[in-house]
Each structure stands twice: as C-alpha cells, then as structure tokens.
Amino acid sequence: ELMAHTYSHLYGLPATGLRFFTVYGPWGRPDMALFLFTKA
C-alpha cells in the first residue's frame, strides 16, 4: 500500500488497494480452512 501510494504521488499512477477478508468458494486454495475441513 505504501509503495503504490508513492507511485501515485510521484508519477500520477491511479492505484487502488483491496483489503480482502477471508475469501472462500469454488476453486479455492487447498491451504484455506474450508478446503481443509471439507477434505478431512
């Protein structure tokens, strides 16, 4: 976030940072809780 802000300031690059909250669903990552729970 700090790096992107610096580039936005210095070079006028429009940049948007997204703070994702515990994403889950089909095709999900095998190391995430729901995948581990379902498999076990």
Full PDB file with SEQRES, HELIX, SHEET, SSBOND, CRYST1, ORIGX, SCALE, CONECT and MASTER records, all heavy atoms in Angstrom:
SEQRES   1 A   40  GLU LEU MET ALA HIS THR TYR SER HIS LEU TYR GLY LEU          
SEQRES   2 A   40  PRO ALA THR GLY LEU ARG PHE PHE THR VAL TYR GLY PRO          
SEQRES   3 A   40  TRP GLY ARG PRO ASP MET ALA LEU PHE LEU PHE THR LYS          
SEQRES   4 A   40  ALA                                                          
HELIX    1 AA1 LEU A    2  TYR A   11  1                                  10    
HELIX    2 AA2 ALA A   33  LYS A   39  1                                   7    
CRYST1    1.000    1.000    1.000  90.00  90.00  90.00 P 1           1          
ORIGX1      1.000000  0.000000  0.000000        0.00000                         
ORIGX2      0.000000  1.000000  0.000000        0.00000                         
ORIGX3      0.000000  0.000000  1.000000        0.00000                         
SCALE1      1.000000  0.000000  0.000000        0.00000                         
SCALE2      0.000000  1.000000  0.000000        0.00000                         
SCALE3      0.000000  0.000000  1.000000        0.00000                         
ATOM      1  N   GLU A   1       0.831  -1.200   0.000  1.00  0.00           N  
ATOM      2  CA  GLU A   1       0.000   0.000   0.000  1.00  0.00           C  
ATOM      3  C   GLU A   1       0.872   1.259   0.000  1.00  0.00           C  
ATOM      4  O   GLU A   1       0.579   2.234  -0.711  1.00  0.00           O  
ATOM      5  CB  GLU A   1      -0.931  -0.006   1.215  1.00  0.00           C  
ATOM      6  CG  GLU A   1      -1.957  -1.130   1.203  1.00  0.00           C  
ATOM      7  CD  GLU A   1      -2.879  -1.120   2.411  1.00  0.00           C  
ATOM      8  OE1 GLU A   1      -2.779  -0.178   3.234  1.00  0.00           O  
ATOM      9  OE2 GLU A   1      -3.703  -2.041   2.523  1.00  0.00           O  
ATOM     10  N   LEU A   2       1.937   1.251   0.787  1.00  0.00           N  
ATOM     11  CA  LEU A   2       2.831   2.411   0.841  1.00  0.00           C  
ATOM     12  C   LEU A   2       3.574   2.601  -0.479  1.00  0.00           C  
ATOM     13  O   LEU A   2       3.735   3.736  -0.962  1.00  0.00           O  
ATOM     14  CB  LEU A   2       3.826   2.232   1.987  1.00  0.00           C  
ATOM     15  CG  LEU A   2       3.234   2.186   3.395  1.00  0.00           C  
ATOM     16  CD1 LEU A   2       4.321   1.863   4.409  1.00  0.00           C  
ATOM     17  CD2 LEU A   2       2.557   3.500   3.749  1.00  0.00           C  
ATOM     18  N   MET A   3       4.032   1.498  -1.078  1.00  0.00           N  
ATOM     19  CA  MET A   3       4.739   1.580  -2.350  1.00  0.00           C  
ATOM     20  C   MET A   3       3.824   2.137  -3.440  1.00  0.00           C  
ATOM     21  O   MET A   3       4.217   3.018  -4.219  1.00  0.00           O  
ATOM     22  CB  MET A   3       5.254   0.191  -2.743  1.00  0.00           C  
ATOM     23  CG  MET A   3       6.340  -0.351  -1.816  1.00  0.00           C  
ATOM     24  SD  MET A   3       6.600  -2.136  -2.009  1.00  0.00           S  
ATOM     25  CE  MET A   3       7.380  -2.201  -3.629  1.00  0.00           C  
ATOM     26  N   ALA A   4       2.589   1.618  -3.492  1.00  0.00           N  
ATOM     27  CA  ALA A   4       1.649   2.083  -4.514  1.00  0.00           C  
ATOM     28  C   ALA A   4       1.327   3.566  -4.321  1.00  0.00           C  
ATOM     29  O   ALA A   4       1.235   4.323  -5.296  1.00  0.00           O  
ATOM     30  CB  ALA A   4       0.379   1.242  -4.467  1.00  0.00           C  
ATOM     31  N   HIS A   5       1.151   3.967  -3.063  1.00  0.00           N  
ATOM     32  CA  HIS A   5       0.850   5.376  -2.817  1.00  0.00           C  
ATOM     33  C   HIS A   5       1.990   6.265  -3.317  1.00  0.00           C  
ATOM     34  O   HIS A   5       1.756   7.335  -3.898  1.00  0.00           O  
ATOM     35  CB  HIS A   5       0.615   5.632  -1.327  1.00  0.00           C  
ATOM     36  CG  HIS A   5       0.302   7.071  -1.027  1.00  0.00           C  
ATOM     37  ND1 HIS A   5       1.283   8.006  -0.745  1.00  0.00           N  
ATOM     38  CD2 HIS A   5      -0.868   7.740  -1.005  1.00  0.00           C  
ATOM     39  CE1 HIS A   5       0.720   9.186  -0.554  1.00  0.00           C  
ATOM     40  NE2 HIS A   5      -0.584   9.055  -0.704  1.00  0.00           N  
ATOM     41  N   THR A   6       3.220   5.831  -3.103  1.00  0.00           N  
ATOM     42  CA  THR A   6       4.362   6.617  -3.551  1.00  0.00           C  
ATOM     43  C   THR A   6       4.347   6.801  -5.066  1.00  0.00           C  
ATOM     44  O   THR A   6       4.599   7.901  -5.580  1.00  0.00           O  
ATOM     45  CB  THR A   6       5.671   5.937  -3.115  1.00  0.00           C  
ATOM     46  OG1 THR A   6       5.675   5.789  -1.697  1.00  0.00           O  
ATOM     47  CG2 THR A   6       6.871   6.765  -3.531  1.00  0.00           C  
ATOM     48  N   TYR A   7       4.041   5.724  -5.795  1.00  0.00           N  
ATOM     49  CA  TYR A   7       3.974   5.821  -7.260  1.00  0.00           C  
ATOM     50  C   TYR A   7       2.790   6.690  -7.696  1.00  0.00           C  
ATOM     51  O   TYR A   7       2.883   7.393  -8.708  1.00  0.00           O  
ATOM     52  CB  TYR A   7       3.888   4.427  -7.883  1.00  0.00           C  
ATOM     53  CG  TYR A   7       5.253   3.831  -8.151  1.00  0.00           C  
ATOM     54  CD1 TYR A   7       6.084   3.460  -7.103  1.00  0.00           C  
ATOM     55  CD2 TYR A   7       5.723   3.668  -9.448  1.00  0.00           C  
ATOM     56  CE1 TYR A   7       7.344   2.918  -7.328  1.00  0.00           C  
ATOM     57  CE2 TYR A   7       6.986   3.134  -9.701  1.00  0.00           C  
ATOM     58  CZ  TYR A   7       7.786   2.768  -8.630  1.00  0.00           C  
ATOM     59  OH  TYR A   7       9.037   2.243  -8.875  1.00  0.00           O  
ATOM     60  N   SER A   8       1.699   6.635  -6.956  1.00  0.00           N  
ATOM     61  CA  SER A   8       0.571   7.510  -7.269  1.00  0.00           C  
ATOM     62  C   SER A   8       0.972   8.969  -7.102  1.00  0.00           C  
ATOM     63  O   SER A   8       0.627   9.828  -7.926  1.00  0.00           O  
ATOM     64  CB  SER A   8      -0.618   7.191  -6.359  1.00  0.00           C  
ATOM     65  OG  SER A   8      -1.104   5.886  -6.585  1.00  0.00           O  
ATOM     66  N   HIS A   9       1.715   9.257  -6.039  1.00  0.00           N  
ATOM     67  CA  HIS A   9       2.148  10.625  -5.766  1.00  0.00           C  
ATOM     68  C   HIS A   9       3.200  11.108  -6.773  1.00  0.00           C  
ATOM     69  O   HIS A   9       3.083  12.197  -7.343  1.00  0.00           O  
ATOM     70  CB  HIS A   9       2.716  10.702  -4.348  1.00  0.00           C  
ATOM     71  CG  HIS A   9       3.528  11.920  -4.074  1.00  0.00           C  
ATOM     72  ND1 HIS A   9       2.993  13.189  -4.116  1.00  0.00           N  
ATOM     73  CD2 HIS A   9       4.853  12.072  -3.778  1.00  0.00           C  
ATOM     74  CE1 HIS A   9       3.940  14.082  -3.845  1.00  0.00           C  
ATOM     75  NE2 HIS A   9       5.075  13.412  -3.645  1.00  0.00           N  
ATOM     76  N   LEU A  10       4.211  10.287  -7.012  1.00  0.00           N  
ATOM     77  CA  LEU A  10       5.325  10.725  -7.848  1.00  0.00           C  
ATOM     78  C   LEU A  10       5.017  10.717  -9.335  1.00  0.00           C  
ATOM     79  O   LEU A  10       5.468  11.597 -10.076  1.00  0.00           O  
ATOM     80  CB  LEU A  10       6.549   9.835  -7.590  1.00  0.00           C  
ATOM     81  CG  LEU A  10       7.214   9.962  -6.221  1.00  0.00           C  
ATOM     82  CD1 LEU A  10       8.308   8.916  -6.074  1.00  0.00           C  
ATOM     83  CD2 LEU A  10       7.775  11.372  -6.015  1.00  0.00           C  
ATOM     84  N   TYR A  11       4.231   9.708  -9.772  1.00  0.00           N  
ATOM     85  CA  TYR A  11       4.047   9.512 -11.210  1.00  0.00           C  
ATOM     86  C   TYR A  11       2.595   9.610 -11.666  1.00  0.00           C  
ATOM     87  O   TYR A  11       2.290   9.371 -12.826  1.00  0.00           O  
ATOM     88  CB  TYR A  11       4.626   8.152 -11.619  1.00  0.00           C  
ATOM     89  CG  TYR A  11       6.035   7.941 -11.127  1.00  0.00           C  
ATOM     90  CD1 TYR A  11       6.319   6.969 -10.181  1.00  0.00           C  
ATOM     91  CD2 TYR A  11       7.080   8.740 -11.589  1.00  0.00           C  
ATOM     92  CE1 TYR A  11       7.612   6.780  -9.715  1.00  0.00           C  
ATOM     93  CE2 TYR A  11       8.382   8.557 -11.131  1.00  0.00           C  
ATOM     94  CZ  TYR A  11       8.639   7.574 -10.188  1.00  0.00           C  
ATOM     95  OH  TYR A  11       9.922   7.392  -9.719  1.00  0.00           O  
ATOM     96  N   GLY A  12       1.695   9.952 -10.732  1.00  0.00           N  
ATOM     97  CA  GLY A  12       0.295  10.117 -11.101  1.00  0.00           C  
ATOM     98  C   GLY A  12      -0.400   8.812 -11.467  1.00  0.00           C  
ATOM     99  O   GLY A  12      -1.404   8.832 -12.189  1.00  0.00           O  
ATOM    100  N   LEU A  13       0.107   7.676 -10.976  1.00  0.00           N  
ATOM    101  CA  LEU A  13      -0.488   6.374 -11.288  1.00  0.00           C  
ATOM    102  C   LEU A  13      -1.733   6.141 -10.433  1.00  0.00           C  
ATOM    103  O   LEU A  13      -1.622   6.020  -9.210  1.00  0.00           O  
ATOM    104  CB  LEU A  13       0.529   5.258 -11.021  1.00  0.00           C  
ATOM    105  CG  LEU A  13      -0.004   3.823 -11.105  1.00  0.00           C  
ATOM    106  CD1 LEU A  13      -0.432   3.483 -12.531  1.00  0.00           C  
ATOM    107  CD2 LEU A  13       1.058   2.832 -10.595  1.00  0.00           C  
ATOM    108  N   PRO A  14      -2.925   6.071 -11.034  1.00  0.00           N  
ATOM    109  CA  PRO A  14      -4.115   5.724 -10.246  1.00  0.00           C  
ATOM    110  C   PRO A  14      -3.989   4.287  -9.738  1.00  0.00           C  
ATOM    111  O   PRO A  14      -3.793   3.354 -10.526  1.00  0.00           O  
ATOM    112  CB  PRO A  14      -5.260   5.857 -11.248  1.00  0.00           C  
ATOM    113  CG  PRO A  14      -4.729   6.752 -12.330  1.00  0.00           C  
ATOM    114  CD  PRO A  14      -3.270   6.401 -12.427  1.00  0.00           C  
ATOM    115  N   ALA A  15      -4.052   4.114  -8.427  1.00  0.00           N  
ATOM    116  CA  ALA A  15      -3.846   2.797  -7.829  1.00  0.00           C  
ATOM    117  C   ALA A  15      -4.871   2.570  -6.717  1.00  0.00           C  
ATOM    118  O   ALA A  15      -5.122   3.473  -5.903  1.00  0.00           O  
ATOM    119  CB  ALA A  15      -2.435   2.662  -7.280  1.00  0.00           C  
ATOM    120  N   THR A  16      -5.429   1.368  -6.688  1.00  0.00           N  
ATOM    121  CA  THR A  16      -6.449   1.011  -5.699  1.00  0.00           C  
ATOM    122  C   THR A  16      -6.053  -0.280  -5.012  1.00  0.00           C  
ATOM    123  O   THR A  16      -5.848  -1.304  -5.668  1.00  0.00           O  
ATOM    124  CB  THR A  16      -7.819   0.817  -6.375  1.00  0.00           C  
ATOM    125  OG1 THR A  16      -8.180   2.017  -7.070  1.00  0.00           O  
ATOM    126  CG2 THR A  16      -8.882   0.495  -5.343  1.00  0.00           C  
ATOM    127  N   GLY A  17      -5.919  -0.223  -3.691  1.00  0.00           N  
ATOM    128  CA  GLY A  17      -5.582  -1.401  -2.902  1.00  0.00           C  
ATOM    129  C   GLY A  17      -6.826  -2.013  -2.286  1.00  0.00           C  
ATOM    130  O   GLY A  17      -7.693  -1.297  -1.771  1.00  0.00           O  
ATOM    131  N   LEU A  18      -6.910  -3.333  -2.333  1.00  0.00           N  
ATOM    132  CA  LEU A  18      -8.104  -4.042  -1.859  1.00  0.00           C  
ATOM    133  C   LEU A  18      -7.755  -4.947  -0.687  1.00  0.00           C  
ATOM    134  O   LEU A  18      -6.965  -5.891  -0.830  1.00  0.00           O  
ATOM    135  CB  LEU A  18      -8.697  -4.872  -3.004  1.00  0.00           C  
ATOM    136  CG  LEU A  18      -8.958  -4.098  -4.296  1.00  0.00           C  
ATOM    137  CD1 LEU A  18      -9.534  -5.024  -5.358  1.00  0.00           C  
ATOM    138  CD2 LEU A  18      -9.886  -2.920  -4.037  1.00  0.00           C  
ATOM    139  N   ARG A  19      -8.350  -4.654   0.449  1.00  0.00           N  
ATOM    140  CA  ARG A  19      -8.123  -5.460   1.647  1.00  0.00           C  
ATOM    141  C   ARG A  19      -9.178  -6.574   1.700  1.00  0.00           C  
ATOM    142  O   ARG A  19     -10.299  -6.369   2.169  1.00  0.00           O  
ATOM    143  CB  ARG A  19      -8.186  -4.576   2.894  1.00  0.00           C  
ATOM    144  CG  ARG A  19      -7.056  -3.554   2.934  1.00  0.00           C  
ATOM    145  CD  ARG A  19      -7.195  -2.578   4.088  1.00  0.00           C  
ATOM    146  NE  ARG A  19      -6.066  -1.639   4.122  1.00  0.00           N  
ATOM    147  CZ  ARG A  19      -5.997  -0.577   4.923  1.00  0.00           C  
ATOM    148  NH1 ARG A  19      -6.996  -0.306   5.767  1.00  0.00           N  
ATOM    149  NH2 ARG A  19      -4.931   0.216   4.892  1.00  0.00           N  
ATOM    150  N   PHE A  20      -8.794  -7.743   1.193  1.00  0.00           N  
ATOM    151  CA  PHE A  20      -9.709  -8.881   1.146  1.00  0.00           C  
ATOM    152  C   PHE A  20      -9.875  -9.495   2.533  1.00  0.00           C  
ATOM    153  O   PHE A  20      -8.897  -9.656   3.268  1.00  0.00           O  
ATOM    154  CB  PHE A  20      -9.178  -9.962   0.198  1.00  0.00           C  
ATOM    155  CG  PHE A  20      -9.061  -9.543  -1.233  1.00  0.00           C  
ATOM    156  CD1 PHE A  20      -7.934  -9.864  -1.976  1.00  0.00           C  
ATOM    157  CD2 PHE A  20     -10.078  -8.845  -1.862  1.00  0.00           C  
ATOM    158  CE1 PHE A  20      -7.814  -9.504  -3.311  1.00  0.00           C  
ATOM    159  CE2 PHE A  20      -9.977  -8.471  -3.190  1.00  0.00           C  
ATOM    160  CZ  PHE A  20      -8.841  -8.799  -3.921  1.00  0.00           C  
ATOM    161  N   PHE A  21     -11.104  -9.878   2.844  1.00  0.00           N  
ATOM    162  CA  PHE A  21     -11.407 -10.528   4.111  1.00  0.00           C  
ATOM    163  C   PHE A  21     -11.778 -11.994   3.861  1.00  0.00           C  
ATOM    164  O   PHE A  21     -12.822 -12.301   3.291  1.00  0.00           O  
ATOM    165  CB  PHE A  21     -12.567  -9.815   4.821  1.00  0.00           C  
ATOM    166  CG  PHE A  21     -12.180  -8.565   5.552  1.00  0.00           C  
ATOM    167  CD1 PHE A  21     -11.797  -7.428   4.851  1.00  0.00           C  
ATOM    168  CD2 PHE A  21     -12.187  -8.509   6.935  1.00  0.00           C  
ATOM    169  CE1 PHE A  21     -11.430  -6.263   5.505  1.00  0.00           C  
ATOM    170  CE2 PHE A  21     -11.820  -7.350   7.603  1.00  0.00           C  
ATOM    171  CZ  PHE A  21     -11.440  -6.219   6.892  1.00  0.00           C  
ATOM    172  N   THR A  22     -10.910 -12.920   4.236  1.00  0.00           N  
ATOM    173  CA  THR A  22     -11.112 -14.373   4.247  1.00  0.00           C  
ATOM    174  C   THR A  22     -12.000 -14.844   3.093  1.00  0.00           C  
ATOM    175  O   THR A  22     -13.175 -15.166   3.276  1.00  0.00           O  
ATOM    176  CB  THR A  22     -11.700 -14.846   5.593  1.00  0.00           C  
ATOM    177  OG1 THR A  22     -11.031 -14.199   6.670  1.00  0.00           O  
ATOM    178  CG2 THR A  22     -11.513 -16.371   5.727  1.00  0.00           C  
ATOM    179  N   VAL A  23     -11.419 -14.890   1.923  1.00  0.00           N  
ATOM    180  CA  VAL A  23     -12.158 -15.251   0.707  1.00  0.00           C  
ATOM    181  C   VAL A  23     -12.277 -16.777   0.614  1.00  0.00           C  
ATOM    182  O   VAL A  23     -11.313 -17.501   0.866  1.00  0.00           O  
ATOM    183  CB  VAL A  23     -11.454 -14.694  -0.537  1.00  0.00           C  
ATOM    184  CG1 VAL A  23     -12.320 -14.903  -1.777  1.00  0.00           C  
ATOM    185  CG2 VAL A  23     -11.130 -13.205  -0.354  1.00  0.00           C  
ATOM    186  N   TYR A  24     -13.451 -17.252   0.214  1.00  0.00           N  
ATOM    187  CA  TYR A  24     -13.677 -18.692   0.067  1.00  0.00           C  
ATOM    188  C   TYR A  24     -14.622 -18.920  -1.098  1.00  0.00           C  
ATOM    189  O   TYR A  24     -15.286 -17.994  -1.581  1.00  0.00           O  
ATOM    190  CB  TYR A  24     -14.260 -19.301   1.350  1.00  0.00           C  
ATOM    191  CG  TYR A  24     -15.711 -18.915   1.589  1.00  0.00           C  
ATOM    192  CD1 TYR A  24     -16.746 -19.798   1.277  1.00  0.00           C  
ATOM    193  CD2 TYR A  24     -16.048 -17.659   2.083  1.00  0.00           C  
ATOM    194  CE1 TYR A  24     -18.077 -19.440   1.464  1.00  0.00           C  
ATOM    195  CE2 TYR A  24     -17.364 -17.293   2.279  1.00  0.00           C  
ATOM    196  CZ  TYR A  24     -18.373 -18.181   1.964  1.00  0.00           C  
ATOM    197  OH  TYR A  24     -19.694 -17.824   2.135  1.00  0.00           O  
ATOM    198  N   GLY A  25     -14.709 -20.163  -1.564  1.00  0.00           N  
ATOM    199  CA  GLY A  25     -15.631 -20.500  -2.646  1.00  0.00           C  
ATOM    200  C   GLY A  25     -15.040 -21.555  -3.558  1.00  0.00           C  
ATOM    201  O   GLY A  25     -13.922 -22.049  -3.335  1.00  0.00           O  
ATOM    202  N   PRO A  26     -15.780 -21.963  -4.602  1.00  0.00           N  
ATOM    203  CA  PRO A  26     -15.297 -22.969  -5.557  1.00  0.00           C  
ATOM    204  C   PRO A  26     -13.941 -22.601  -6.144  1.00  0.00           C  
ATOM    205  O   PRO A  26     -13.641 -21.425  -6.339  1.00  0.00           O  
ATOM    206  CB  PRO A  26     -16.391 -22.967  -6.630  1.00  0.00           C  
ATOM    207  CG  PRO A  26     -17.626 -22.514  -5.918  1.00  0.00           C  
ATOM    208  CD  PRO A  26     -17.145 -21.500  -4.917  1.00  0.00           C  
ATOM    209  N   TRP A  27     -13.128 -23.612  -6.409  1.00  0.00           N  
ATOM    210  CA  TRP A  27     -11.779 -23.464  -6.944  1.00  0.00           C  
ATOM    211  C   TRP A  27     -10.838 -22.815  -5.928  1.00  0.00           C  
ATOM    212  O   TRP A  27      -9.787 -22.287  -6.289  1.00  0.00           O  
ATOM    213  CB  TRP A  27     -11.762 -22.680  -8.262  1.00  0.00           C  
ATOM    214  CG  TRP A  27     -12.515 -23.343  -9.371  1.00  0.00           C  
ATOM    215  CD1 TRP A  27     -13.797 -23.108  -9.764  1.00  0.00           C  
ATOM    216  CD2 TRP A  27     -12.031 -24.390 -10.225  1.00  0.00           C  
ATOM    217  NE1 TRP A  27     -14.145 -23.929 -10.811  1.00  0.00           N  
ATOM    218  CE2 TRP A  27     -13.065 -24.725 -11.120  1.00  0.00           C  
ATOM    219  CE3 TRP A  27     -10.806 -25.071 -10.338  1.00  0.00           C  
ATOM    220  CZ2 TRP A  27     -12.936 -25.708 -12.098  1.00  0.00           C  
ATOM    221  CZ3 TRP A  27     -10.666 -26.033 -11.311  1.00  0.00           C  
ATOM    222  CH2 TRP A  27     -11.725 -26.351 -12.181  1.00  0.00           C  
ATOM    223  N   GLY A  28     -11.207 -22.888  -4.645  1.00  0.00           N  
ATOM    224  CA  GLY A  28     -10.425 -22.227  -3.612  1.00  0.00           C  
ATOM    225  C   GLY A  28      -9.084 -22.879  -3.348  1.00  0.00           C  
ATOM    226  O   GLY A  28      -8.747 -23.933  -3.894  1.00  0.00           O  
ATOM    227  N   ARG A  29      -8.312 -22.231  -2.477  1.00  0.00           N  
ATOM    228  CA  ARG A  29      -6.970 -22.710  -2.149  1.00  0.00           C  
ATOM    229  C   ARG A  29      -7.032 -23.880  -1.174  1.00  0.00           C  
ATOM    230  O   ARG A  29      -7.725 -23.812  -0.155  1.00  0.00           O  
ATOM    231  CB  ARG A  29      -6.146 -21.581  -1.518  1.00  0.00           C  
ATOM    232  CG  ARG A  29      -5.568 -20.632  -2.516  1.00  0.00           C  
ATOM    233  CD  ARG A  29      -4.874 -19.444  -1.888  1.00  0.00           C  
ATOM    234  NE  ARG A  29      -4.344 -19.653  -0.555  1.00  0.00           N  
ATOM    235  CZ  ARG A  29      -4.193 -18.677   0.340  1.00  0.00           C  
ATOM    236  NH1 ARG A  29      -4.563 -17.436   0.046  1.00  0.00           N  
ATOM    237  NH2 ARG A  29      -3.686 -18.928   1.523  1.00  0.00           N  
ATOM    238  N   PRO A  30      -6.265 -24.951  -1.438  1.00  0.00           N  
ATOM    239  CA  PRO A  30      -6.276 -26.122  -0.553  1.00  0.00           C  
ATOM    240  C   PRO A  30      -5.731 -25.869   0.845  1.00  0.00           C  
ATOM    241  O   PRO A  30      -5.923 -26.705   1.732  1.00  0.00           O  
ATOM    242  CB  PRO A  30      -5.394 -27.141  -1.293  1.00  0.00           C  
ATOM    243  CG  PRO A  30      -5.470 -26.731  -2.726  1.00  0.00           C  
ATOM    244  CD  PRO A  30      -5.535 -25.232  -2.689  1.00  0.00           C  
ATOM    245  N   ASP A  31      -5.028 -24.743   1.059  1.00  0.00           N  
ATOM    246  CA  ASP A  31      -4.499 -24.457   2.395  1.00  0.00           C  
ATOM    247  C   ASP A  31      -5.476 -23.656   3.241  1.00  0.00           C  
ATOM    248  O   ASP A  31      -5.189 -23.389   4.412  1.00  0.00           O  
ATOM    249  CB  ASP A  31      -3.167 -23.703   2.283  1.00  0.00           C  
ATOM    250  CG  ASP A  31      -3.329 -22.339   1.621  1.00  0.00           C  
ATOM    251  OD1 ASP A  31      -4.056 -22.251   0.617  1.00  0.00           O  
ATOM    252  OD2 ASP A  31      -2.728 -21.355   2.108  1.00  0.00           O  
ATOM    253  N   MET A  32      -6.618 -23.280   2.681  1.00  0.00           N  
ATOM    254  CA  MET A  32      -7.592 -22.493   3.428  1.00  0.00           C  
ATOM    255  C   MET A  32      -8.527 -23.401   4.229  1.00  0.00           C  
ATOM    256  O   MET A  32      -8.719 -24.576   3.901  1.00  0.00           O  
ATOM    257  CB  MET A  32      -8.394 -21.602   2.487  1.00  0.00           C  
ATOM    258  CG  MET A  32      -7.556 -20.556   1.773  1.00  0.00           C  
ATOM    259  SD  MET A  32      -6.881 -19.315   2.908  1.00  0.00           S  
ATOM    260  CE  MET A  32      -8.336 -18.307   3.215  1.00  0.00           C  
ATOM    261  N   ALA A  33      -9.125 -22.821   5.274  1.00  0.00           N  
ATOM    262  CA  ALA A  33      -9.854 -23.615   6.259  1.00  0.00           C  
ATOM    263  C   ALA A  33     -10.966 -24.466   5.657  1.00  0.00           C  
ATOM    264  O   ALA A  33     -11.068 -25.661   5.946  1.00  0.00           O  
ATOM    265  CB  ALA A  33     -10.422 -22.696   7.345  1.00  0.00           C  
ATOM    266  N   LEU A  34     -11.814 -23.882   4.819  1.00  0.00           N  
ATOM    267  CA  LEU A  34     -12.964 -24.622   4.318  1.00  0.00           C  
ATOM    268  C   LEU A  34     -12.526 -25.818   3.477  1.00  0.00           C  
ATOM    269  O   LEU A  34     -13.117 -26.900   3.558  1.00  0.00           O  
ATOM    270  CB  LEU A  34     -13.875 -23.699   3.503  1.00  0.00           C  
ATOM    271  CG  LEU A  34     -15.161 -24.343   2.972  1.00  0.00           C  
ATOM    272  CD1 LEU A  34     -15.996 -24.945   4.098  1.00  0.00           C  
ATOM    273  CD2 LEU A  34     -15.981 -23.317   2.186  1.00  0.00           C  
ATOM    274  N   PHE A  35     -11.488 -25.643   2.677  1.00  0.00           N  
ATOM    275  CA  PHE A  35     -10.961 -26.738   1.860  1.00  0.00           C  
ATOM    276  C   PHE A  35     -10.433 -27.844   2.775  1.00  0.00           C  
ATOM    277  O   PHE A  35     -10.733 -29.044   2.583  1.00  0.00           O  
ATOM    278  CB  PHE A  35      -9.841 -26.204   0.959  1.00  0.00           C  
ATOM    279  CG  PHE A  35      -9.609 -26.990  -0.294  1.00  0.00           C  
ATOM    280  CD1 PHE A  35      -9.899 -26.449  -1.538  1.00  0.00           C  
ATOM    281  CD2 PHE A  35      -9.073 -28.262  -0.233  1.00  0.00           C  
ATOM    282  CE1 PHE A  35      -9.671 -27.165  -2.716  1.00  0.00           C  
ATOM    283  CE2 PHE A  35      -8.838 -28.988  -1.402  1.00  0.00           C  
ATOM    284  CZ  PHE A  35      -9.133 -28.439  -2.637  1.00  0.00           C  
ATOM    285  N   LEU A  36      -9.653 -27.460   3.789  1.00  0.00           N  
ATOM    286  CA  LEU A  36      -9.095 -28.436   4.725  1.00  0.00           C  
ATOM    287  C   LEU A  36     -10.191 -29.157   5.488  1.00  0.00           C  
ATOM    288  O   LEU A  36     -10.137 -30.388   5.666  1.00  0.00           O  
ATOM    289  CB  LEU A  36      -8.149 -27.731   5.701  1.00  0.00           C  
ATOM    290  CG  LEU A  36      -6.862 -27.154   5.100  1.00  0.00           C  
ATOM    291  CD1 LEU A  36      -6.165 -26.259   6.114  1.00  0.00           C  
ATOM    292  CD2 LEU A  36      -5.932 -28.271   4.661  1.00  0.00           C  
ATOM    293  N   PHE A  37     -11.190 -28.412   5.954  1.00  0.00           N  
ATOM    294  CA  PHE A  37     -12.295 -29.028   6.691  1.00  0.00           C  
ATOM    295  C   PHE A  37     -13.037 -30.043   5.831  1.00  0.00           C  
ATOM    296  O   PHE A  37     -13.297 -31.176   6.245  1.00  0.00           O  
ATOM    297  CB  PHE A  37     -13.282 -27.961   7.174  1.00  0.00           C  
ATOM    298  CG  PHE A  37     -12.756 -27.036   8.234  1.00  0.00           C  
ATOM    299  CD1 PHE A  37     -13.333 -25.778   8.414  1.00  0.00           C  
ATOM    300  CD2 PHE A  37     -11.694 -27.387   9.049  1.00  0.00           C  
ATOM    301  CE1 PHE A  37     -12.866 -24.911   9.388  1.00  0.00           C  
ATOM    302  CE2 PHE A  37     -11.218 -26.531  10.025  1.00  0.00           C  
ATOM    303  CZ  PHE A  37     -11.805 -25.286  10.191  1.00  0.00           C  
ATOM    304  N   THR A  38     -13.391 -29.615   4.619  1.00  0.00           N  
ATOM    305  CA  THR A  38     -14.176 -30.474   3.739  1.00  0.00           C  
ATOM    306  C   THR A  38     -13.417 -31.758   3.411  1.00  0.00           C  
ATOM    307  O   THR A  38     -13.980 -32.866   3.469  1.00  0.00           O  
ATOM    308  CB  THR A  38     -14.529 -29.716   2.446  1.00  0.00           C  
ATOM    309  OG1 THR A  38     -15.291 -28.552   2.793  1.00  0.00           O  
ATOM    310  CG2 THR A  38     -15.331 -30.582   1.497  1.00  0.00           C  
ATOM    311  N   LYS A  39     -12.147 -31.625   3.078  1.00  0.00           N  
ATOM    312  CA  LYS A  39     -11.330 -32.793   2.744  1.00  0.00           C  
ATOM    313  C   LYS A  39     -11.238 -33.758   3.924  1.00  0.00           C  
ATOM    314  O   LYS A  39     -11.438 -34.977   3.777  1.00  0.00           O  
ATOM    315  CB  LYS A  39      -9.927 -32.344   2.324  1.00  0.00           C  
ATOM    316  CG  LYS A  39      -9.029 -33.450   1.788  1.00  0.00           C  
ATOM    317  CD  LYS A  39      -7.711 -32.859   1.282  1.00  0.00           C  
ATOM    318  CE  LYS A  39      -6.888 -33.897   0.517  1.00  0.00           C  
ATOM    319  NZ  LYS A  39      -6.415 -34.989   1.391  1.00  0.00           N  
ATOM    320  N   ALA A  40     -10.953 -33.229   5.111  1.00  0.00           N  
ATOM    321  CA  ALA A  40     -10.798 -34.077   6.286  1.00  0.00           C  
ATOM    322  C   ALA A  40     -12.113 -34.762   6.665  1.00  0.00           C  
ATOM    323  O   ALA A  40     -12.132 -35.961   6.978  1.00  0.00           O  
ATOM    324  CB  ALA A  40     -10.277 -33.249   7.453  1.00  0.00           C  
TER     325      ALA A  40                                                      
MASTER        0    0    0    2    0    0    0    6  324    1    0    4          
END                                                                             
